Amino acid sequence: MEPITLVVGAALLAAGFVGGRLSRRRPTGPPPPVTPICGCGHPLSQHDTETSTCYAELRRETFDRRGRFAGHTWVPCTCRQYIGPRPIDEVFLPRLLPPTE
């Protein structure tokens, strides 16, 4: 083989090795726990378990008659049903407590 080809191959090998060492991924901890979120942006804990309606409140901006900013008001969320992922225990086994009798 030609000496120039060997030098070019060695340079490519060294560049790949150095690039891999510099850009390798650092070990990270476990991923954060995933909270099931509804389409309205609220978690499952903000929805009523029987009616599945959302009881959270949203902050809305209010304006006066001239169109100037007048502050914030709190209005109830308009979500009517939780559409996010269901916990696995509710899929296979209905809730036993509290008793419905």
N, C-alpha and C. Protein backbone atom coordinates (compact mmCIF):
# COMPACT_ATOMS: atom_id res chain seq x y z
N MET A 1 0.83 -1.18 0.00
CA MET A 1 0.00 0.00 0.00
C MET A 1 0.88 1.25 0.00
N GLU A 2 0.29 2.29 -0.48
CA GLU A 2 1.03 3.55 -0.54
C GLU A 2 1.11 4.18 0.84
N PRO A 3 2.17 4.89 1.15
CA PRO A 3 2.30 5.53 2.46
C PRO A 3 1.28 6.66 2.66
N ILE A 4 0.88 7.32 1.58
CA ILE A 4 -0.09 8.42 1.72
C ILE A 4 -1.45 7.86 2.14
N THR A 5 -1.84 6.73 1.58
CA THR A 5 -3.11 6.11 1.93
C THR A 5 -3.11 5.68 3.40
N LEU A 6 -2.00 5.15 3.86
CA LEU A 6 -1.91 4.74 5.27
C LEU A 6 -2.00 5.94 6.20
N VAL A 7 -1.37 7.07 5.83
CA VAL A 7 -1.42 8.28 6.67
C VAL A 7 -2.84 8.84 6.70
N VAL A 8 -3.49 8.88 5.53
CA VAL A 8 -4.87 9.38 5.49
C VAL A 8 -5.78 8.48 6.31
N GLY A 9 -5.64 7.17 6.21
CA GLY A 9 -6.46 6.25 7.01
C GLY A 9 -6.22 6.40 8.49
N ALA A 10 -4.95 6.58 8.88
CA ALA A 10 -4.64 6.78 10.30
C ALA A 10 -5.22 8.09 10.80
N ALA A 11 -5.18 9.14 9.96
CA ALA A 11 -5.74 10.43 10.35
C ALA A 11 -7.26 10.34 10.53
N LEU A 12 -7.92 9.63 9.62
CA LEU A 12 -9.38 9.45 9.75
C LEU A 12 -9.73 8.63 11.00
N LEU A 13 -8.94 7.62 11.27
CA LEU A 13 -9.16 6.82 12.47
C LEU A 13 -8.97 7.65 13.73
N ALA A 14 -7.91 8.45 13.77
CA ALA A 14 -7.65 9.31 14.94
C ALA A 14 -8.74 10.37 15.10
N ALA A 15 -9.20 10.96 13.98
CA ALA A 15 -10.26 11.97 14.06
C ALA A 15 -11.56 11.35 14.57
N GLY A 16 -11.89 10.15 14.13
CA GLY A 16 -13.10 9.47 14.61
C GLY A 16 -13.01 9.12 16.08
N PHE A 17 -11.82 8.68 16.50
CA PHE A 17 -11.64 8.33 17.91
C PHE A 17 -11.77 9.56 18.80
N VAL A 18 -11.12 10.66 18.42
CA VAL A 18 -11.18 11.89 19.21
C VAL A 18 -12.59 12.46 19.21
N GLY A 19 -13.25 12.43 18.05
CA GLY A 19 -14.64 12.92 17.98
C GLY A 19 -15.58 12.11 18.84
N GLY A 20 -15.38 10.80 18.87
CA GLY A 20 -16.22 9.95 19.71
C GLY A 20 -15.99 10.17 21.19
N ARG A 21 -14.74 10.41 21.56
CA ARG A 21 -14.44 10.67 22.98
C ARG A 21 -14.99 12.00 23.44
N LEU A 22 -14.96 12.99 22.56
CA LEU A 22 -15.43 14.33 22.95
C LEU A 22 -16.95 14.43 22.98
N SER A 23 -17.64 13.69 22.13
CA SER A 23 -19.09 13.84 22.04
C SER A 23 -19.86 12.68 22.66
N ARG A 24 -19.24 11.89 23.48
CA ARG A 24 -19.95 10.77 24.07
C ARG A 24 -20.96 11.26 25.10
N ARG A 25 -21.97 10.48 25.31
CA ARG A 25 -23.04 10.84 26.24
C ARG A 25 -22.58 10.57 27.66
N ARG A 26 -22.91 11.48 28.52
CA ARG A 26 -22.59 11.33 29.94
C ARG A 26 -23.69 10.50 30.60
N PRO A 27 -23.35 9.66 31.55
CA PRO A 27 -24.39 8.89 32.22
C PRO A 27 -25.31 9.82 33.03
N THR A 28 -26.59 9.60 32.91
CA THR A 28 -27.57 10.41 33.63
C THR A 28 -28.33 9.53 34.59
N GLY A 29 -29.05 10.16 35.49
CA GLY A 29 -29.86 9.44 36.45
C GLY A 29 -31.12 8.91 35.80
N PRO A 30 -31.98 8.31 36.60
CA PRO A 30 -33.23 7.79 36.04
C PRO A 30 -34.10 8.95 35.57
N PRO A 31 -34.94 8.71 34.58
CA PRO A 31 -35.81 9.78 34.08
C PRO A 31 -36.82 10.18 35.15
N PRO A 32 -37.30 11.42 35.12
CA PRO A 32 -38.30 11.83 36.11
C PRO A 32 -39.61 11.07 35.90
N PRO A 33 -40.39 10.89 36.96
CA PRO A 33 -41.66 10.17 36.80
C PRO A 33 -42.61 10.95 35.90
N VAL A 34 -43.33 10.24 35.09
CA VAL A 34 -44.26 10.85 34.14
C VAL A 34 -45.62 11.01 34.81
N THR A 35 -46.15 12.21 34.77
CA THR A 35 -47.48 12.49 35.32
C THR A 35 -48.49 12.45 34.20
N PRO A 36 -49.55 11.64 34.31
CA PRO A 36 -50.55 11.61 33.25
C PRO A 36 -51.29 12.94 33.17
N ILE A 37 -51.28 13.53 32.00
CA ILE A 37 -51.87 14.85 31.78
C ILE A 37 -53.06 14.71 30.84
N CYS A 38 -54.15 15.40 31.15
CA CYS A 38 -55.34 15.43 30.31
C CYS A 38 -55.12 16.42 29.17
N GLY A 39 -56.03 16.47 28.24
CA GLY A 39 -55.96 17.42 27.14
C GLY A 39 -56.09 18.86 27.60
N CYS A 40 -56.69 19.08 28.76
CA CYS A 40 -56.83 20.45 29.28
C CYS A 40 -55.56 20.91 29.97
N GLY A 41 -54.59 20.01 30.18
CA GLY A 41 -53.33 20.39 30.80
C GLY A 41 -53.26 20.11 32.29
N HIS A 42 -54.29 19.52 32.85
CA HIS A 42 -54.32 19.21 34.28
C HIS A 42 -54.11 17.72 34.50
N PRO A 43 -53.50 17.34 35.62
CA PRO A 43 -53.27 15.90 35.88
C PRO A 43 -54.55 15.19 36.30
N LEU A 44 -54.45 13.87 36.43
CA LEU A 44 -55.60 13.05 36.82
C LEU A 44 -56.12 13.43 38.19
N SER A 45 -55.25 13.92 39.07
CA SER A 45 -55.68 14.26 40.43
C SER A 45 -56.60 15.48 40.46
N GLN A 46 -56.64 16.27 39.40
CA GLN A 46 -57.52 17.44 39.35
C GLN A 46 -58.91 17.10 38.79
N HIS A 47 -59.16 15.86 38.46
CA HIS A 47 -60.44 15.44 37.90
C HIS A 47 -61.21 14.62 38.92
N ASP A 48 -62.51 14.79 38.95
CA ASP A 48 -63.38 14.04 39.84
C ASP A 48 -63.42 12.59 39.37
N THR A 49 -63.31 11.64 40.30
CA THR A 49 -63.24 10.23 39.91
C THR A 49 -64.58 9.69 39.44
N GLU A 50 -65.68 10.23 39.92
CA GLU A 50 -66.99 9.71 39.53
C GLU A 50 -67.48 10.34 38.22
N THR A 51 -67.46 11.65 38.14
CA THR A 51 -67.98 12.32 36.95
C THR A 51 -66.90 12.60 35.92
N SER A 52 -65.64 12.50 36.30
CA SER A 52 -64.48 12.71 35.42
C SER A 52 -64.38 14.16 34.93
N THR A 53 -65.07 15.09 35.59
CA THR A 53 -64.96 16.49 35.21
C THR A 53 -63.80 17.13 35.96
N CYS A 54 -63.26 18.18 35.38
CA CYS A 54 -62.10 18.87 35.95
C CYS A 54 -62.59 19.95 36.92
N TYR A 55 -62.00 20.00 38.09
CA TYR A 55 -62.38 21.04 39.05
C TYR A 55 -61.25 22.03 39.31
N ALA A 56 -60.27 22.10 38.42
CA ALA A 56 -59.19 23.07 38.55
C ALA A 56 -59.67 24.43 38.05
N GLU A 57 -58.91 25.46 38.38
CA GLU A 57 -59.25 26.81 37.93
C GLU A 57 -58.12 27.35 37.05
N LEU A 58 -58.49 28.16 36.09
CA LEU A 58 -57.54 28.77 35.16
C LEU A 58 -57.48 30.27 35.39
N ARG A 59 -56.30 30.84 35.24
CA ARG A 59 -56.13 32.28 35.39
C ARG A 59 -56.30 32.95 34.03
N ARG A 60 -57.28 33.82 33.91
CA ARG A 60 -57.56 34.52 32.66
C ARG A 60 -57.30 36.01 32.85
N GLU A 61 -56.83 36.64 31.80
CA GLU A 61 -56.62 38.08 31.83
C GLU A 61 -57.94 38.78 31.57
N THR A 62 -58.19 39.88 32.27
CA THR A 62 -59.39 40.67 32.05
C THR A 62 -59.00 42.05 31.55
N PHE A 63 -59.88 42.63 30.75
CA PHE A 63 -59.65 43.93 30.17
C PHE A 63 -60.87 44.80 30.41
N ASP A 64 -60.66 46.12 30.52
CA ASP A 64 -61.79 47.02 30.72
C ASP A 64 -62.41 47.36 29.36
N ARG A 65 -63.37 48.30 29.36
CA ARG A 65 -64.09 48.62 28.13
C ARG A 65 -63.20 49.26 27.07
N ARG A 66 -62.15 49.92 27.50
CA ARG A 66 -61.24 50.56 26.54
C ARG A 66 -60.18 49.59 26.01
N GLY A 67 -60.16 48.37 26.48
CA GLY A 67 -59.21 47.39 26.02
C GLY A 67 -57.91 47.37 26.81
N ARG A 68 -57.88 48.06 27.94
CA ARG A 68 -56.67 48.07 28.77
C ARG A 68 -56.70 46.90 29.74
N PHE A 69 -55.52 46.41 30.07
CA PHE A 69 -55.39 45.29 30.99
C PHE A 69 -55.91 45.68 32.36
N ALA A 70 -56.80 44.84 32.94
CA ALA A 70 -57.40 45.16 34.23
C ALA A 70 -57.04 44.16 35.32
N GLY A 71 -56.29 43.11 35.01
CA GLY A 71 -55.90 42.14 36.03
C GLY A 71 -56.23 40.72 35.59
N HIS A 72 -56.28 39.86 36.57
CA HIS A 72 -56.55 38.44 36.32
C HIS A 72 -57.79 38.01 37.10
N THR A 73 -58.52 37.08 36.53
CA THR A 73 -59.63 36.43 37.22
C THR A 73 -59.44 34.92 37.13
N TRP A 74 -60.02 34.22 38.08
CA TRP A 74 -59.93 32.77 38.09
C TRP A 74 -61.26 32.20 37.63
N VAL A 75 -61.23 31.38 36.60
CA VAL A 75 -62.44 30.78 36.04
C VAL A 75 -62.29 29.26 36.11
N PRO A 76 -63.40 28.53 36.23
CA PRO A 76 -63.30 27.06 36.27
C PRO A 76 -62.87 26.51 34.91
N CYS A 77 -62.18 25.38 34.94
CA CYS A 77 -61.74 24.72 33.71
C CYS A 77 -62.96 24.16 32.99
N THR A 78 -62.96 24.23 31.68
CA THR A 78 -64.11 23.79 30.90
C THR A 78 -64.01 22.33 30.46
N CYS A 79 -63.03 21.60 30.96
CA CYS A 79 -62.87 20.19 30.60
C CYS A 79 -64.05 19.40 31.17
N ARG A 80 -64.67 18.57 30.35
CA ARG A 80 -65.84 17.80 30.77
C ARG A 80 -65.53 16.33 31.03
N GLN A 81 -64.39 15.84 30.53
CA GLN A 81 -64.05 14.44 30.73
C GLN A 81 -62.54 14.28 30.66
N TYR A 82 -61.98 13.46 31.54
CA TYR A 82 -60.55 13.18 31.52
C TYR A 82 -60.25 12.29 30.33
N ILE A 83 -59.37 12.75 29.44
CA ILE A 83 -59.05 11.97 28.24
C ILE A 83 -57.61 11.50 28.22
N GLY A 84 -56.91 11.63 29.34
CA GLY A 84 -55.52 11.21 29.40
C GLY A 84 -55.41 9.71 29.64
N PRO A 85 -54.19 9.23 29.85
CA PRO A 85 -54.00 7.79 30.10
C PRO A 85 -54.58 7.37 31.44
N ARG A 86 -55.21 6.22 31.47
CA ARG A 86 -55.82 5.68 32.69
C ARG A 86 -54.80 4.85 33.46
N PRO A 87 -54.86 4.89 34.78
CA PRO A 87 -54.00 3.98 35.56
C PRO A 87 -54.38 2.53 35.27
N ILE A 88 -53.40 1.66 35.27
CA ILE A 88 -53.61 0.26 34.87
C ILE A 88 -54.55 -0.46 35.82
N ASP A 89 -54.58 -0.07 37.10
CA ASP A 89 -55.48 -0.76 38.02
C ASP A 89 -56.93 -0.42 37.76
N GLU A 90 -57.23 0.73 37.19
CA GLU A 90 -58.62 1.07 36.85
C GLU A 90 -59.08 0.35 35.60
N VAL A 91 -58.16 -0.04 34.74
CA VAL A 91 -58.54 -0.73 33.51
C VAL A 91 -58.98 -2.15 33.81
N PHE A 92 -58.24 -2.87 34.67
CA PHE A 92 -58.53 -4.27 34.92
C PHE A 92 -59.42 -4.51 36.13
N LEU A 93 -59.44 -3.59 37.08
CA LEU A 93 -60.19 -3.81 38.30
C LEU A 93 -60.88 -2.51 38.70
N PRO A 94 -62.22 -2.51 38.84
CA PRO A 94 -62.88 -1.29 39.27
C PRO A 94 -62.53 -0.94 40.72
N ARG A 95 -62.72 0.31 41.06
CA ARG A 95 -62.42 0.75 42.43
C ARG A 95 -63.36 0.07 43.41
N LEU A 96 -62.79 -0.41 44.53
CA LEU A 96 -63.60 -1.08 45.56
C LEU A 96 -63.99 -0.13 46.68
N LEU A 97 -63.15 0.84 46.97
CA LEU A 97 -63.44 1.79 48.03
C LEU A 97 -63.64 3.17 47.45
N PRO A 98 -64.49 3.94 47.95
CA PRO A 98 -65.47 3.72 49.01
C PRO A 98 -66.65 2.90 48.49
N PRO A 99 -67.30 2.20 49.37
CA PRO A 99 -68.44 1.36 48.92
C PRO A 99 -69.57 2.23 48.39
N THR A 100 -70.26 1.72 47.39
CA THR A 100 -71.35 2.47 46.78
C THR A 100 -72.72 2.10 47.31
N GLU A 101 -72.81 1.14 48.24
CA GLU A 101 -74.11 0.76 48.81
C GLU A 101 -74.65 1.83 49.67
